[in-house]
Amino acid sequence: MSDDTAPIIVELVSLADPLPKASAPLGEMQYRSDSWTPQEVRTLRQLFNDDTPMPEIAEALGRGLHGVRDKVCTLGLRRHSTRPWNELEDHERLCCKHGARPRGVTQLGD
């Protein structure tokens, strides 16, 4: 017999320790009012793909801006936006890339 046609012998043995038993019956998971419904996720994806600004997405969903940003990150969504940045977004991007104050910029709007 070749190696691939040789019978495989497996010995079954009992577990040394029995599996632990639950101390009480398992209950249902508690409902969370901040959970995302499938419809909300679909709406978020659609608005995000339509290049809707984040504050408008948050308003449309009735959720906080940071919650929407967190969900976008959790879903791994990436935007290839064709919309120009507004002044606040432009400032935020500069600060993230170049530190608290980019060289030559003293205040927002200067």
PDB file of N, CA and C in Angstrom:
ATOM      1  N   MET A   1       0.834  -1.181   0.000  1.00  0.00           N
ATOM      2  CA  MET A   1       0.000   0.000   0.000  1.00  0.00           C
ATOM      3  C   MET A   1       0.877   1.241   0.000  1.00  0.00           C
ATOM      4  N   SER A   2       0.426   2.240  -0.755  1.00  0.00           N
ATOM      5  CA  SER A   2       1.139   3.515  -0.734  1.00  0.00           C
ATOM      6  C   SER A   2       0.667   4.324   0.463  1.00  0.00           C
ATOM      7  N   ASP A   3       1.401   5.402   0.763  1.00  0.00           N
ATOM      8  CA  ASP A   3       1.079   6.202   1.948  1.00  0.00           C
ATOM      9  C   ASP A   3      -0.320   6.805   1.909  1.00  0.00           C
ATOM     10  N   ASP A   4      -0.789   7.169   0.728  1.00  0.00           N
ATOM     11  CA  ASP A   4      -2.105   7.819   0.672  1.00  0.00           C
ATOM     12  C   ASP A   4      -3.259   6.823   0.676  1.00  0.00           C
ATOM     13  N   THR A   5      -2.997   5.536   0.520  1.00  0.00           N
ATOM     14  CA  THR A   5      -4.081   4.548   0.562  1.00  0.00           C
ATOM     15  C   THR A   5      -4.062   3.729   1.848  1.00  0.00           C
ATOM     16  N   ALA A   6      -3.075   3.963   2.703  1.00  0.00           N
ATOM     17  CA  ALA A   6      -3.004   3.226   3.965  1.00  0.00           C
ATOM     18  C   ALA A   6      -4.155   3.659   4.867  1.00  0.00           C
ATOM     19  N   PRO A   7      -4.738   2.726   5.601  1.00  0.00           N
ATOM     20  CA  PRO A   7      -5.832   3.097   6.494  1.00  0.00           C
ATOM     21  C   PRO A   7      -5.333   4.002   7.619  1.00  0.00           C
ATOM     22  N   ILE A   8      -6.192   4.910   8.003  1.00  0.00           N
ATOM     23  CA  ILE A   8      -5.878   5.819   9.100  1.00  0.00           C
ATOM     24  C   ILE A   8      -6.578   5.291  10.343  1.00  0.00           C
ATOM     25  N   ILE A   9      -5.824   5.093  11.375  1.00  0.00           N
ATOM     26  CA  ILE A   9      -6.395   4.573  12.614  1.00  0.00           C
ATOM     27  C   ILE A   9      -6.489   5.727  13.610  1.00  0.00           C
ATOM     28  N   VAL A  10      -7.686   5.922  14.119  1.00  0.00           N
ATOM     29  CA  VAL A  10      -7.929   6.985  15.075  1.00  0.00           C
ATOM     30  C   VAL A  10      -8.485   6.350  16.335  1.00  0.00           C
ATOM     31  N   GLU A  11      -7.912   6.692  17.465  1.00  0.00           N
ATOM     32  CA  GLU A  11      -8.404   6.171  18.731  1.00  0.00           C
ATOM     33  C   GLU A  11      -9.239   7.249  19.408  1.00  0.00           C
ATOM     34  N   LEU A  12     -10.452   6.913  19.741  1.00  0.00           N
ATOM     35  CA  LEU A  12     -11.336   7.846  20.423  1.00  0.00           C
ATOM     36  C   LEU A  12     -11.237   7.612  21.923  1.00  0.00           C
ATOM     37  N   VAL A  13     -10.997   8.680  22.645  1.00  0.00           N
ATOM     38  CA  VAL A  13     -10.914   8.575  24.099  1.00  0.00           C
ATOM     39  C   VAL A  13     -11.877   9.582  24.703  1.00  0.00           C
ATOM     40  N   SER A  14     -12.303   9.308  25.914  1.00  0.00           N
ATOM     41  CA  SER A  14     -13.224  10.230  26.571  1.00  0.00           C
ATOM     42  C   SER A  14     -12.454  11.422  27.120  1.00  0.00           C
ATOM     43  N   LEU A  15     -13.148  12.499  27.328  1.00  0.00           N
ATOM     44  CA  LEU A  15     -12.548  13.693  27.905  1.00  0.00           C
ATOM     45  C   LEU A  15     -12.144  13.416  29.345  1.00  0.00           C
ATOM     46  N   ALA A  16     -11.024  13.960  29.736  1.00  0.00           N
ATOM     47  CA  ALA A  16     -10.575  13.774  31.112  1.00  0.00           C
ATOM     48  C   ALA A  16     -11.522  14.484  32.073  1.00  0.00           C
ATOM     49  N   ASP A  17     -11.874  15.731  31.769  1.00  0.00           N
ATOM     50  CA  ASP A  17     -12.788  16.500  32.611  1.00  0.00           C
ATOM     51  C   ASP A  17     -14.063  16.749  31.827  1.00  0.00           C
ATOM     52  N   PRO A  18     -15.207  16.595  32.473  1.00  0.00           N
ATOM     53  CA  PRO A  18     -16.450  16.905  31.753  1.00  0.00           C
ATOM     54  C   PRO A  18     -16.533  18.404  31.469  1.00  0.00           C
ATOM     55  N   LEU A  19     -17.266  18.755  30.449  1.00  0.00           N
ATOM     56  CA  LEU A  19     -17.459  20.160  30.105  1.00  0.00           C
ATOM     57  C   LEU A  19     -18.205  20.863  31.231  1.00  0.00           C
ATOM     58  N   PRO A  20     -17.835  22.111  31.517  1.00  0.00           N
ATOM     59  CA  PRO A  20     -18.532  22.821  32.603  1.00  0.00           C
ATOM     60  C   PRO A  20     -19.981  23.092  32.236  1.00  0.00           C
ATOM     61  N   LYS A  21     -20.815  23.070  33.240  1.00  0.00           N
ATOM     62  CA  LYS A  21     -22.238  23.342  33.033  1.00  0.00           C
ATOM     63  C   LYS A  21     -22.526  24.784  33.435  1.00  0.00           C
ATOM     64  N   ALA A  22     -23.497  25.366  32.781  1.00  0.00           N
ATOM     65  CA  ALA A  22     -23.892  26.738  33.112  1.00  0.00           C
ATOM     66  C   ALA A  22     -24.503  26.757  34.508  1.00  0.00           C
ATOM     67  N   SER A  23     -24.184  27.793  35.269  1.00  0.00           N
ATOM     68  CA  SER A  23     -24.720  27.891  36.629  1.00  0.00           C
ATOM     69  C   SER A  23     -26.192  28.293  36.616  1.00  0.00           C
ATOM     70  N   ALA A  24     -26.630  28.921  35.546  1.00  0.00           N
ATOM     71  CA  ALA A  24     -28.029  29.323  35.395  1.00  0.00           C
ATOM     72  C   ALA A  24     -28.386  29.209  33.918  1.00  0.00           C
ATOM     73  N   PRO A  25     -29.656  29.122  33.615  1.00  0.00           N
ATOM     74  CA  PRO A  25     -30.033  29.063  32.198  1.00  0.00           C
ATOM     75  C   PRO A  25     -29.584  30.326  31.468  1.00  0.00           C
ATOM     76  N   LEU A  26     -29.146  30.143  30.246  1.00  0.00           N
ATOM     77  CA  LEU A  26     -28.692  31.292  29.460  1.00  0.00           C
ATOM     78  C   LEU A  26     -29.908  32.091  29.006  1.00  0.00           C
ATOM     79  N   GLY A  27     -29.820  33.396  29.131  1.00  0.00           N
ATOM     80  CA  GLY A  27     -30.911  34.262  28.723  1.00  0.00           C
ATOM     81  C   GLY A  27     -30.597  34.934  27.395  1.00  0.00           C
ATOM     82  N   GLU A  28     -31.550  35.656  26.907  1.00  0.00           N
ATOM     83  CA  GLU A  28     -31.334  36.391  25.666  1.00  0.00           C
ATOM     84  C   GLU A  28     -30.427  37.577  25.929  1.00  0.00           C
ATOM     85  N   MET A  29     -29.721  38.013  24.866  1.00  0.00           N
ATOM     86  CA  MET A  29     -28.919  39.219  24.994  1.00  0.00           C
ATOM     87  C   MET A  29     -29.840  40.406  25.186  1.00  0.00           C
ATOM     88  N   GLN A  30     -29.396  41.320  26.005  1.00  0.00           N
ATOM     89  CA  GLN A  30     -30.186  42.499  26.280  1.00  0.00           C
ATOM     90  C   GLN A  30     -30.236  43.401  25.043  1.00  0.00           C
ATOM     91  N   TYR A  31     -31.394  43.983  24.784  1.00  0.00           N
ATOM     92  CA  TYR A  31     -31.556  44.905  23.667  1.00  0.00           C
ATOM     93  C   TYR A  31     -30.801  46.186  23.962  1.00  0.00           C
ATOM     94  N   ARG A  32     -30.073  46.666  22.978  1.00  0.00           N
ATOM     95  CA  ARG A  32     -29.356  47.935  23.124  1.00  0.00           C
ATOM     96  C   ARG A  32     -29.987  48.955  22.190  1.00  0.00           C
ATOM     97  N   SER A  33     -30.366  50.069  22.763  1.00  0.00           N
ATOM     98  CA  SER A  33     -31.035  51.091  21.960  1.00  0.00           C
ATOM     99  C   SER A  33     -30.101  51.747  20.955  1.00  0.00           C
ATOM    100  N   ASP A  34     -28.777  51.631  21.167  1.00  0.00           N
ATOM    101  CA  ASP A  34     -27.836  52.248  20.233  1.00  0.00           C
ATOM    102  C   ASP A  34     -27.343  51.285  19.157  1.00  0.00           C
ATOM    103  N   SER A  35     -27.914  50.096  19.095  1.00  0.00           N
ATOM    104  CA  SER A  35     -27.523  49.134  18.062  1.00  0.00           C
ATOM    105  C   SER A  35     -27.943  49.642  16.684  1.00  0.00           C
ATOM    106  N   TRP A  36     -27.157  49.268  15.689  1.00  0.00           N
ATOM    107  CA  TRP A  36     -27.466  49.671  14.314  1.00  0.00           C
ATOM    108  C   TRP A  36     -28.352  48.608  13.682  1.00  0.00           C
ATOM    109  N   THR A  37     -29.461  49.039  13.096  1.00  0.00           N
ATOM    110  CA  THR A  37     -30.336  48.104  12.387  1.00  0.00           C
ATOM    111  C   THR A  37     -29.775  47.896  10.977  1.00  0.00           C
ATOM    112  N   PRO A  38     -30.131  46.787  10.341  1.00  0.00           N
ATOM    113  CA  PRO A  38     -29.675  46.572   8.967  1.00  0.00           C
ATOM    114  C   PRO A  38     -30.087  47.708   8.024  1.00  0.00           C
ATOM    115  N   GLN A  39     -31.283  48.272   8.242  1.00  0.00           N
ATOM    116  CA  GLN A  39     -31.744  49.378   7.400  1.00  0.00           C
ATOM    117  C   GLN A  39     -30.859  50.608   7.587  1.00  0.00           C
ATOM    118  N   GLU A  40     -30.471  50.894   8.835  1.00  0.00           N
ATOM    119  CA  GLU A  40     -29.590  52.038   9.091  1.00  0.00           C
ATOM    120  C   GLU A  40     -28.230  51.848   8.420  1.00  0.00           C
ATOM    121  N   VAL A  41     -27.723  50.634   8.466  1.00  0.00           N
ATOM    122  CA  VAL A  41     -26.424  50.359   7.833  1.00  0.00           C
ATOM    123  C   VAL A  41     -26.529  50.537   6.323  1.00  0.00           C
ATOM    124  N   ARG A  42     -27.641  50.056   5.741  1.00  0.00           N
ATOM    125  CA  ARG A  42     -27.834  50.241   4.290  1.00  0.00           C
ATOM    126  C   ARG A  42     -27.910  51.721   3.937  1.00  0.00           C
ATOM    127  N   THR A  43     -28.662  52.488   4.744  1.00  0.00           N
ATOM    128  CA  THR A  43     -28.782  53.923   4.508  1.00  0.00           C
ATOM    129  C   THR A  43     -27.429  54.605   4.644  1.00  0.00           C
ATOM    130  N   LEU A  44     -26.680  54.239   5.668  1.00  0.00           N
ATOM    131  CA  LEU A  44     -25.343  54.802   5.865  1.00  0.00           C
ATOM    132  C   LEU A  44     -24.459  54.528   4.661  1.00  0.00           C
ATOM    133  N   ARG A  45     -24.442  53.284   4.202  1.00  0.00           N
ATOM    134  CA  ARG A  45     -23.617  52.933   3.034  1.00  0.00           C
ATOM    135  C   ARG A  45     -24.026  53.732   1.804  1.00  0.00           C
ATOM    136  N   GLN A  46     -25.344  53.861   1.596  1.00  0.00           N
ATOM    137  CA  GLN A  46     -25.833  54.582   0.416  1.00  0.00           C
ATOM    138  C   GLN A  46     -25.448  56.056   0.468  1.00  0.00           C
ATOM    139  N   LEU A  47     -25.698  56.692   1.610  1.00  0.00           N
ATOM    140  CA  LEU A  47     -25.350  58.105   1.744  1.00  0.00           C
ATOM    141  C   LEU A  47     -23.844  58.317   1.641  1.00  0.00           C
ATOM    142  N   PHE A  48     -23.071  57.417   2.221  1.00  0.00           N
ATOM    143  CA  PHE A  48     -21.613  57.521   2.167  1.00  0.00           C
ATOM    144  C   PHE A  48     -21.130  57.392   0.720  1.00  0.00           C
ATOM    145  N   ASN A  49     -21.690  56.410  -0.005  1.00  0.00           N
ATOM    146  CA  ASN A  49     -21.310  56.219  -1.411  1.00  0.00           C
ATOM    147  C   ASN A  49     -21.757  57.376  -2.294  1.00  0.00           C
ATOM    148  N   ASP A  50     -22.826  58.078  -1.876  1.00  0.00           N
ATOM    149  CA  ASP A  50     -23.309  59.243  -2.627  1.00  0.00           C
ATOM    150  C   ASP A  50     -22.519  60.500  -2.297  1.00  0.00           C
ATOM    151  N   ASP A  51     -21.464  60.357  -1.472  1.00  0.00           N
ATOM    152  CA  ASP A  51     -20.569  61.458  -1.123  1.00  0.00           C
ATOM    153  C   ASP A  51     -21.265  62.524  -0.276  1.00  0.00           C
ATOM    154  N   THR A  52     -22.224  62.093   0.546  1.00  0.00           N
ATOM    155  CA  THR A  52     -22.912  63.003   1.449  1.00  0.00           C
ATOM    156  C   THR A  52     -21.974  63.356   2.604  1.00  0.00           C
ATOM    157  N   PRO A  53     -21.895  64.624   2.999  1.00  0.00           N
ATOM    158  CA  PRO A  53     -21.032  64.995   4.134  1.00  0.00           C
ATOM    159  C   PRO A  53     -21.461  64.277   5.419  1.00  0.00           C
ATOM    160  N   MET A  54     -20.490  63.990   6.269  1.00  0.00           N
ATOM    161  CA  MET A  54     -20.752  63.242   7.504  1.00  0.00           C
ATOM    162  C   MET A  54     -21.820  63.890   8.390  1.00  0.00           C
ATOM    163  N   PRO A  55     -21.792  65.215   8.601  1.00  0.00           N
ATOM    164  CA  PRO A  55     -22.848  65.803   9.450  1.00  0.00           C
ATOM    165  C   PRO A  55     -24.252  65.564   8.887  1.00  0.00           C
ATOM    166  N   GLU A  56     -24.389  65.586   7.574  1.00  0.00           N
ATOM    167  CA  GLU A  56     -25.696  65.344   6.958  1.00  0.00           C
ATOM    168  C   GLU A  56     -26.106  63.880   7.114  1.00  0.00           C
ATOM    169  N   ILE A  57     -25.145  62.955   7.039  1.00  0.00           N
ATOM    170  CA  ILE A  57     -25.447  61.534   7.257  1.00  0.00           C
ATOM    171  C   ILE A  57     -25.936  61.339   8.689  1.00  0.00           C
ATOM    172  N   ALA A  58     -25.225  61.956   9.650  1.00  0.00           N
ATOM    173  CA  ALA A  58     -25.613  61.831  11.057  1.00  0.00           C
ATOM    174  C   ALA A  58     -27.019  62.370  11.283  1.00  0.00           C
ATOM    175  N   GLU A  59     -27.320  63.499  10.666  1.00  0.00           N
ATOM    176  CA  GLU A  59     -28.656  64.091  10.810  1.00  0.00           C
ATOM    177  C   GLU A  59     -29.726  63.204  10.181  1.00  0.00           C
ATOM    178  N   ALA A  60     -29.442  62.653   9.001  1.00  0.00           N
ATOM    179  CA  ALA A  60     -30.415  61.792   8.319  1.00  0.00           C
ATOM    180  C   ALA A  60     -30.707  60.529   9.124  1.00  0.00           C
ATOM    181  N   LEU A  61     -29.696  60.026   9.820  1.00  0.00           N
ATOM    182  CA  LEU A  61     -29.864  58.801  10.600  1.00  0.00           C
ATOM    183  C   LEU A  61     -30.325  59.075  12.028  1.00  0.00           C
ATOM    184  N   GLY A  62     -30.289  60.345  12.434  1.00  0.00           N
ATOM    185  CA  GLY A  62     -30.670  60.673  13.799  1.00  0.00           C
ATOM    186  C   GLY A  62     -29.657  60.173  14.815  1.00  0.00           C
ATOM    187  N   ARG A  63     -28.381  60.175  14.422  1.00  0.00           N
ATOM    188  CA  ARG A  63     -27.299  59.697  15.288  1.00  0.00           C
ATOM    189  C   ARG A  63     -26.257  60.789  15.432  1.00  0.00           C
ATOM    190  N   GLY A  64     -25.385  60.613  16.422  1.00  0.00           N
ATOM    191  CA  GLY A  64     -24.309  61.565  16.633  1.00  0.00           C
ATOM    192  C   GLY A  64     -23.236  61.432  15.562  1.00  0.00           C
ATOM    193  N   LEU A  65     -22.538  62.520  15.317  1.00  0.00           N
ATOM    194  CA  LEU A  65     -21.492  62.546  14.298  1.00  0.00           C
ATOM    195  C   LEU A  65     -20.391  61.537  14.596  1.00  0.00           C
ATOM    196  N   HIS A  66     -19.950  61.468  15.853  1.00  0.00           N
ATOM    197  CA  HIS A  66     -18.868  60.542  16.195  1.00  0.00           C
ATOM    198  C   HIS A  66     -19.315  59.086  16.095  1.00  0.00           C
ATOM    199  N   GLY A  67     -20.581  58.817  16.392  1.00  0.00           N
ATOM    200  CA  GLY A  67     -21.113  57.463  16.235  1.00  0.00           C
ATOM    201  C   GLY A  67     -21.122  57.038  14.776  1.00  0.00           C
ATOM    202  N   VAL A  68     -21.478  57.962  13.898  1.00  0.00           N
ATOM    203  CA  VAL A  68     -21.495  57.677  12.459  1.00  0.00           C
ATOM    204  C   VAL A  68     -20.069  57.457  11.959  1.00  0.00           C
ATOM    205  N   ARG A  69     -19.139  58.312  12.398  1.00  0.00           N
ATOM    206  CA  ARG A  69     -17.738  58.141  11.988  1.00  0.00           C
ATOM    207  C   ARG A  69     -17.185  56.799  12.467  1.00  0.00           C
ATOM    208  N   ASP A  70     -17.539  56.421  13.688  1.00  0.00           N
ATOM    209  CA  ASP A  70     -17.087  55.142  14.230  1.00  0.00           C
ATOM    210  C   ASP A  70     -17.634  53.981  13.398  1.00  0.00           C
ATOM    211  N   LYS A  71     -18.898  54.056  13.019  1.00  0.00           N
ATOM    212  CA  LYS A  71     -19.507  52.970  12.233  1.00  0.00           C
ATOM    213  C   LYS A  71     -18.878  52.896  10.845  1.00  0.00           C
ATOM    214  N   VAL A  72     -18.595  54.040  10.241  1.00  0.00           N
ATOM    215  CA  VAL A  72     -17.922  54.068   8.937  1.00  0.00           C
ATOM    216  C   VAL A  72     -16.577  53.365   9.049  1.00  0.00           C
ATOM    217  N   CYS A  73     -15.856  53.658  10.123  1.00  0.00           N
ATOM    218  CA  CYS A  73     -14.551  53.027  10.347  1.00  0.00           C
ATOM    219  C   CYS A  73     -14.712  51.523  10.577  1.00  0.00           C
ATOM    220  N   THR A  74     -15.692  51.146  11.410  1.00  0.00           N
ATOM    221  CA  THR A  74     -15.940  49.729  11.702  1.00  0.00           C
ATOM    222  C   THR A  74     -16.292  48.959  10.432  1.00  0.00           C
ATOM    223  N   LEU A  75     -17.075  49.574   9.557  1.00  0.00           N
ATOM    224  CA  LEU A  75     -17.455  48.917   8.299  1.00  0.00           C
ATOM    225  C   LEU A  75     -16.328  48.921   7.280  1.00  0.00           C
ATOM    226  N   GLY A  76     -15.266  49.695   7.542  1.00  0.00           N
ATOM    227  CA  GLY A  76     -14.137  49.753   6.626  1.00  0.00           C
ATOM    228  C   GLY A  76     -14.431  50.527   5.349  1.00  0.00           C
ATOM    229  N   LEU A  77     -15.353  51.475   5.430  1.00  0.00           N
ATOM    230  CA  LEU A  77     -15.707  52.245   4.236  1.00  0.00           C
ATOM    231  C   LEU A  77     -14.624  53.272   3.946  1.00  0.00           C
ATOM    232  N   ARG A  78     -14.320  53.438   2.685  1.00  0.00           N
ATOM    233  CA  ARG A  78     -13.342  54.432   2.249  1.00  0.00           C
ATOM    234  C   ARG A  78     -13.988  55.291   1.194  1.00  0.00           C
ATOM    235  N   ARG A  79     -13.735  56.561   1.275  1.00  0.00           N
ATOM    236  CA  ARG A  79     -14.373  57.496   0.361  1.00  0.00           C
ATOM    237  C   ARG A  79     -13.350  58.051  -0.619  1.00  0.00           C
ATOM    238  N   HIS A  80     -13.698  58.022  -1.871  1.00  0.00           N
ATOM    239  CA  HIS A  80     -12.910  58.669  -2.919  1.00  0.00           C
ATOM    240  C   HIS A  80     -13.736  59.859  -3.372  1.00  0.00           C
ATOM    241  N   SER A  81     -13.707  60.878  -2.545  1.00  0.00           N
ATOM    242  CA  SER A  81     -14.599  62.006  -2.692  1.00  0.00           C
ATOM    243  C   SER A  81     -14.204  62.899  -3.865  1.00  0.00           C
ATOM    244  N   THR A  82     -15.208  63.390  -4.538  1.00  0.00           N
ATOM    245  CA  THR A  82     -14.996  64.388  -5.586  1.00  0.00           C
ATOM    246  C   THR A  82     -15.434  65.755  -5.085  1.00  0.00           C
ATOM    247  N   ARG A  83     -15.998  65.777  -3.862  1.00  0.00           N
ATOM    248  CA  ARG A  83     -16.475  67.021  -3.264  1.00  0.00           C
ATOM    249  C   ARG A  83     -15.283  67.757  -2.656  1.00  0.00           C
ATOM    250  N   PRO A  84     -15.151  69.071  -2.910  1.00  0.00           N
ATOM    251  CA  PRO A  84     -14.032  69.812  -2.296  1.00  0.00           C
ATOM    252  C   PRO A  84     -14.233  69.914  -0.786  1.00  0.00           C
ATOM    253  N   TRP A  85     -13.133  69.962  -0.050  1.00  0.00           N
ATOM    254  CA  TRP A  85     -13.199  70.101   1.402  1.00  0.00           C
ATOM    255  C   TRP A  85     -13.702  71.482   1.767  1.00  0.00           C
ATOM    256  N   ASN A  86     -14.473  71.550   2.849  1.00  0.00           N
ATOM    257  CA  ASN A  86     -14.843  72.862   3.362  1.00  0.00           C
ATOM    258  C   ASN A  86     -13.697  73.370   4.236  1.00  0.00           C
ATOM    259  N   GLU A  87     -13.815  74.565   4.765  1.00  0.00           N
ATOM    260  CA  GLU A  87     -12.711  75.183   5.501  1.00  0.00           C
ATOM    261  C   GLU A  87     -12.332  74.371   6.740  1.00  0.00           C
ATOM    262  N   LEU A  88     -13.331  73.856   7.466  1.00  0.00           N
ATOM    263  CA  LEU A  88     -13.058  73.075   8.670  1.00  0.00           C
ATOM    264  C   LEU A  88     -12.351  71.762   8.317  1.00  0.00           C
ATOM    265  N   GLU A  89     -12.825  71.050   7.280  1.00  0.00           N
ATOM    266  CA  GLU A  89     -12.188  69.796   6.866  1.00  0.00           C
ATOM    267  C   GLU A  89     -10.760  70.037   6.405  1.00  0.00           C
ATOM    268  N   ASP A  90     -10.552  71.122   5.679  1.00  0.00           N
ATOM    269  CA  ASP A  90      -9.215  71.463   5.200  1.00  0.00           C
ATOM    270  C   ASP A  90      -8.274  71.695   6.382  1.00  0.00           C
ATOM    271  N   HIS A  91      -8.735  72.437   7.379  1.00  0.00           N
ATOM    272  CA  HIS A  91      -7.940  72.711   8.576  1.00  0.00           C
ATOM    273  C   HIS A  91      -7.648  71.408   9.333  1.00  0.00           C
ATOM    274  N   GLU A  92      -8.676  70.541   9.455  1.00  0.00           N
ATOM    275  CA  GLU A  92      -8.513  69.273  10.156  1.00  0.00           C
ATOM    276  C   GLU A  92      -7.465  68.404   9.464  1.00  0.00           C
ATOM    277  N   ARG A  93      -7.494  68.330   8.154  1.00  0.00           N
ATOM    278  CA  ARG A  93      -6.524  67.526   7.407  1.00  0.00           C
ATOM    279  C   ARG A  93      -5.109  68.069   7.583  1.00  0.00           C
ATOM    280  N   LEU A  94      -4.973  69.402   7.543  1.00  0.00           N
ATOM    281  CA  LEU A  94      -3.656  70.008   7.736  1.00  0.00           C
ATOM    282  C   LEU A  94      -3.114  69.707   9.128  1.00  0.00           C
ATOM    283  N   CYS A  95      -3.971  69.801  10.142  1.00  0.00           N
ATOM    284  CA  CYS A  95      -3.530  69.536  11.516  1.00  0.00           C
ATOM    285  C   CYS A  95      -3.135  68.072  11.689  1.00  0.00           C
ATOM    286  N   CYS A  96      -3.886  67.175  11.098  1.00  0.00           N
ATOM    287  CA  CYS A  96      -3.559  65.750  11.212  1.00  0.00           C
ATOM    288  C   CYS A  96      -2.236  65.438  10.542  1.00  0.00           C
ATOM    289  N   LYS A  97      -1.970  66.065   9.426  1.00  0.00           N
ATOM    290  CA  LYS A  97      -0.769  65.756   8.664  1.00  0.00           C
ATOM    291  C   LYS A  97       0.461  66.501   9.166  1.00  0.00           C
ATOM    292  N   HIS A  98       0.275  67.744   9.607  1.00  0.00           N
ATOM    293  CA  HIS A  98       1.422  68.588   9.932  1.00  0.00           C
ATOM    294  C   HIS A  98       1.498  69.003  11.399  1.00  0.00           C
ATOM    295  N   GLY A  99       0.691  68.444  12.262  1.00  0.00           N
ATOM    296  CA  GLY A  99       0.730  68.823  13.666  1.00  0.00           C
ATOM    297  C   GLY A  99      -0.345  69.836  13.994  1.00  0.00           C
ATOM    298  N   ALA A 100      -0.247  70.392  15.196  1.00  0.00           N
ATOM    299  CA  ALA A 100      -1.293  71.292  15.672  1.00  0.00           C
ATOM    300  C   ALA A 100      -1.428  72.541  14.810  1.00  0.00           C
ATOM    301  N   ARG A 101      -0.312  73.117  14.406  1.00  0.00           N
ATOM    302  CA  ARG A 101      -0.359  74.312  13.554  1.00  0.00           C
ATOM    303  C   ARG A 101       0.657  74.170  12.438  1.00  0.00           C
ATOM    304  N   PRO A 102       0.195  74.059  11.211  1.00  0.00           N
ATOM    305  CA  PRO A 102       1.136  74.001  10.102  1.00  0.00           C
ATOM    306  C   PRO A 102       1.939  75.296  10.020  1.00  0.00           C
ATOM    307  N   ARG A 103       3.153  75.184   9.525  1.00  0.00           N
ATOM    308  CA  ARG A 103       3.988  76.375   9.369  1.00  0.00           C
ATOM    309  C   ARG A 103       3.293  77.400   8.508  1.00  0.00           C
ATOM    310  N   GLY A 104       3.328  78.643   8.957  1.00  0.00           N
ATOM    311  CA  GLY A 104       2.739  79.724   8.172  1.00  0.00           C
ATOM    312  C   GLY A 104       1.272  79.957   8.440  1.00  0.00           C
ATOM    313  N   VAL A 105       0.608  79.060   9.168  1.00  0.00           N
ATOM    314  CA  VAL A 105      -0.806  79.228   9.463  1.00  0.00           C
ATOM    315  C   VAL A 105      -0.919  79.590  10.922  1.00  0.00           C
ATOM    316  N   THR A 106      -1.461  80.761  11.207  1.00  0.00           N
ATOM    317  CA  THR A 106      -1.583  81.202  12.597  1.00  0.00           C
ATOM    318  C   THR A 106      -2.966  80.921  13.148  1.00  0.00           C
ATOM    319  N   GLN A 107      -4.007  81.126  12.351  1.00  0.00           N
ATOM    320  CA  GLN A 107      -5.370  80.851  12.780  1.00  0.00           C
ATOM    321  C   GLN A 107      -6.169  80.387  11.583  1.00  0.00           C
ATOM    322  N   LEU A 108      -7.265  79.705  11.887  1.00  0.00           N
ATOM    323  CA  LEU A 108      -8.174  79.272  10.840  1.00  0.00           C
ATOM    324  C   LEU A 108      -8.724  80.500  10.134  1.00  0.00           C
ATOM    325  N   GLY A 109      -8.608  80.540   8.829  1.00  0.00           N
ATOM    326  CA  GLY A 109      -9.138  81.642   8.051  1.00  0.00           C
ATOM    327  C   GLY A 109      -8.107  82.699   7.711  1.00  0.00           C
ATOM    328  N   ASP A 110      -6.900  82.606   8.242  1.00  0.00           N
ATOM    329  CA  ASP A 110      -5.860  83.601   7.904  1.00  0.00           C
ATOM    330  C   ASP A 110      -5.286  83.316   6.552  1.00  0.00           C
TER     331      ASP A 110
END
